[in-house]
Protein backbone atom coordinates (compact mmCIF):
# COMPACT_ATOMS: atom_id res chain seq x y z
CA MET A 1 4.32 5.01 15.95
CA SER A 2 1.80 7.84 15.83
CA THR A 3 -1.13 7.58 13.46
CA ASN A 4 -0.95 11.36 12.99
CA LYS A 5 2.55 11.17 11.57
CA SER A 6 2.69 12.47 8.05
CA VAL A 7 2.78 9.98 5.20
CA LYS A 8 6.07 9.85 3.31
CA GLU A 9 6.01 11.52 -0.09
CA SER A 10 7.28 8.34 -1.75
CA ASP A 11 4.40 6.33 -0.21
CA TRP A 12 1.85 8.94 -1.29
CA GLN A 13 3.16 9.00 -4.87
CA LEU A 14 3.22 5.19 -5.05
CA PHE A 15 -0.33 5.01 -3.68
CA ARG A 16 -1.63 7.47 -6.29
CA GLU A 17 0.16 5.56 -9.04
CA ARG A 18 -1.08 2.12 -7.94
CA VAL A 19 -4.76 2.81 -7.21
CA PRO A 20 -5.92 2.64 -10.86
CA LYS A 21 -4.03 -0.64 -11.38
CA TRP A 22 -5.51 -2.15 -8.22
CA ARG A 23 -9.01 -1.03 -9.17
CA GLU A 24 -8.79 -2.61 -12.61
CA ARG A 25 -7.32 -5.84 -11.27
CA TYR A 26 -10.07 -6.08 -8.64
CA LEU A 27 -12.85 -5.29 -11.09
CA GLU A 28 -11.55 -7.84 -13.57
CA ASN A 29 -12.09 -10.52 -10.92
CA VAL A 30 -15.44 -9.10 -9.79
CA ASN A 31 -16.69 -8.85 -13.38
CA ASP A 32 -15.73 -12.48 -13.97
CA GLU A 33 -17.67 -13.52 -10.87
CA ILE A 34 -20.72 -11.52 -11.92
CA ALA A 35 -20.53 -13.00 -15.42
CA ARG A 36 -20.64 -16.45 -13.84
CA ILE A 37 -23.85 -15.47 -12.07
CA PHE A 38 -25.41 -14.58 -15.44
CA THR A 39 -24.29 -17.82 -17.05
CA SER A 40 -25.61 -19.97 -14.21
CA ARG A 41 -28.42 -22.31 -15.20
CA GLU A 42 -29.50 -23.24 -11.67
CA PRO A 43 -31.72 -20.38 -10.52
CA THR A 44 -34.48 -18.79 -12.55
CA PRO A 45 -33.73 -15.76 -14.73
CA THR A 46 -35.38 -13.59 -12.07
CA GLU A 47 -33.14 -15.03 -9.35
CA ILE A 48 -30.09 -14.56 -11.55
CA PHE A 49 -31.01 -10.92 -12.13
CA TRP A 50 -31.51 -10.14 -8.43
CA GLU A 51 -28.39 -12.04 -7.36
CA ALA A 52 -26.29 -10.12 -9.90
CA LYS A 53 -27.83 -6.80 -8.88
CA GLU A 54 -27.19 -7.50 -5.20
CA ARG A 55 -23.58 -8.41 -5.92
CA MET A 56 -23.04 -5.31 -8.06
CA ASP A 57 -24.57 -3.10 -5.36
CA GLU A 58 -22.26 -4.64 -2.74
CA GLU A 59 -19.22 -4.17 -4.97
CA ALA A 60 -20.22 -0.60 -5.82
CA GLN A 61 -20.28 0.24 -2.11
CA ILE A 62 -16.88 -1.36 -1.59
CA LEU A 63 -15.47 0.70 -4.46
CA VAL A 64 -16.95 3.92 -3.05
CA ASP A 65 -15.56 3.14 0.41
CA CYS A 66 -12.11 2.27 -0.91
CA LEU A 67 -11.61 4.62 -3.83
CA ASP A 68 -13.50 7.86 -3.22
CA GLY A 69 -11.97 10.86 -1.53
CA HIS A 70 -8.32 9.93 -1.40
CA SER A 71 -6.08 12.37 0.34
CA ARG A 72 -2.70 12.06 1.89
CA SER A 73 -4.21 12.45 5.36
CA ASN A 74 -6.60 9.50 4.92
CA MET A 75 -4.34 7.27 2.81
CA ARG A 76 -3.71 4.80 5.63
CA MET A 77 -7.43 4.25 6.15
CA HIS A 78 -7.98 3.75 2.42
CA LEU A 79 -5.12 1.23 2.29
CA LEU A 80 -6.60 -0.61 5.24
CA LEU A 81 -10.05 -0.72 3.59
CA MET A 82 -8.54 -1.89 0.30
CA TYR A 83 -6.62 -4.62 2.12
CA ARG A 84 -9.64 -5.76 4.11
CA HIS A 85 -11.89 -5.85 1.04
CA GLY A 86 -9.34 -7.67 -1.11
CA LEU A 87 -8.49 -4.88 -3.54
CA ILE A 88 -4.89 -5.29 -2.47
CA GLU A 89 -2.90 -8.07 -0.88
CA GLU A 90 0.04 -8.13 1.48
CA ALA A 91 2.34 -8.39 -1.54
CA ASP A 92 1.02 -5.02 -2.75
CA LEU A 93 1.91 -3.48 0.61
CA GLU A 94 5.50 -4.71 0.18
CA GLU A 95 6.12 -1.84 -2.23
CA PHE A 96 5.57 0.75 0.49
CA SER A 97 7.86 1.81 3.30
CA ASP A 98 8.28 -0.66 6.14
CA GLU A 99 6.68 1.84 8.50
CA LEU A 100 3.51 2.21 6.43
CA ARG A 101 3.21 -1.51 5.69
CA GLU A 102 3.63 -2.40 9.35
CA ARG A 103 1.06 0.22 10.36
CA ILE A 104 -1.55 -1.13 7.92
CA LEU A 105 -1.01 -4.71 9.07
CA LEU A 106 -1.17 -3.65 12.73
CA MET A 107 -4.40 -1.70 12.12
CA ASP A 108 -5.83 -4.74 10.37
CA LYS A 109 -5.00 -6.90 13.38
CA GLU A 110 -6.42 -4.33 15.80
CA PHE A 111 -9.69 -4.18 13.90
CA GLY A 112 -9.98 -7.95 13.86
CA HIS A 113 -9.46 -9.05 10.26
């Protein structure tokens, strides 16, 4: 299967429809984790602040990598990044065509996930 093959219209439309849902679901979990950092009593307030900032910076970069600049031509790479960073799961890929799902999972294997 060629990586240059055009993405099916149905996959592109589904991708565009699902991205906001995936983003919100992911951020709900991330926000909960960051809230737990703030409610921790173990480290000092300074350590809590810097740990939360570091986590938010890491998550911000993941969001930029996964969510900025979507186009039909780079959709596969965005799906792969989302999958590798946990924005989506294999179950989310089940909604797409077999060809696209298989390509994403093969790319993930090739890149050593």
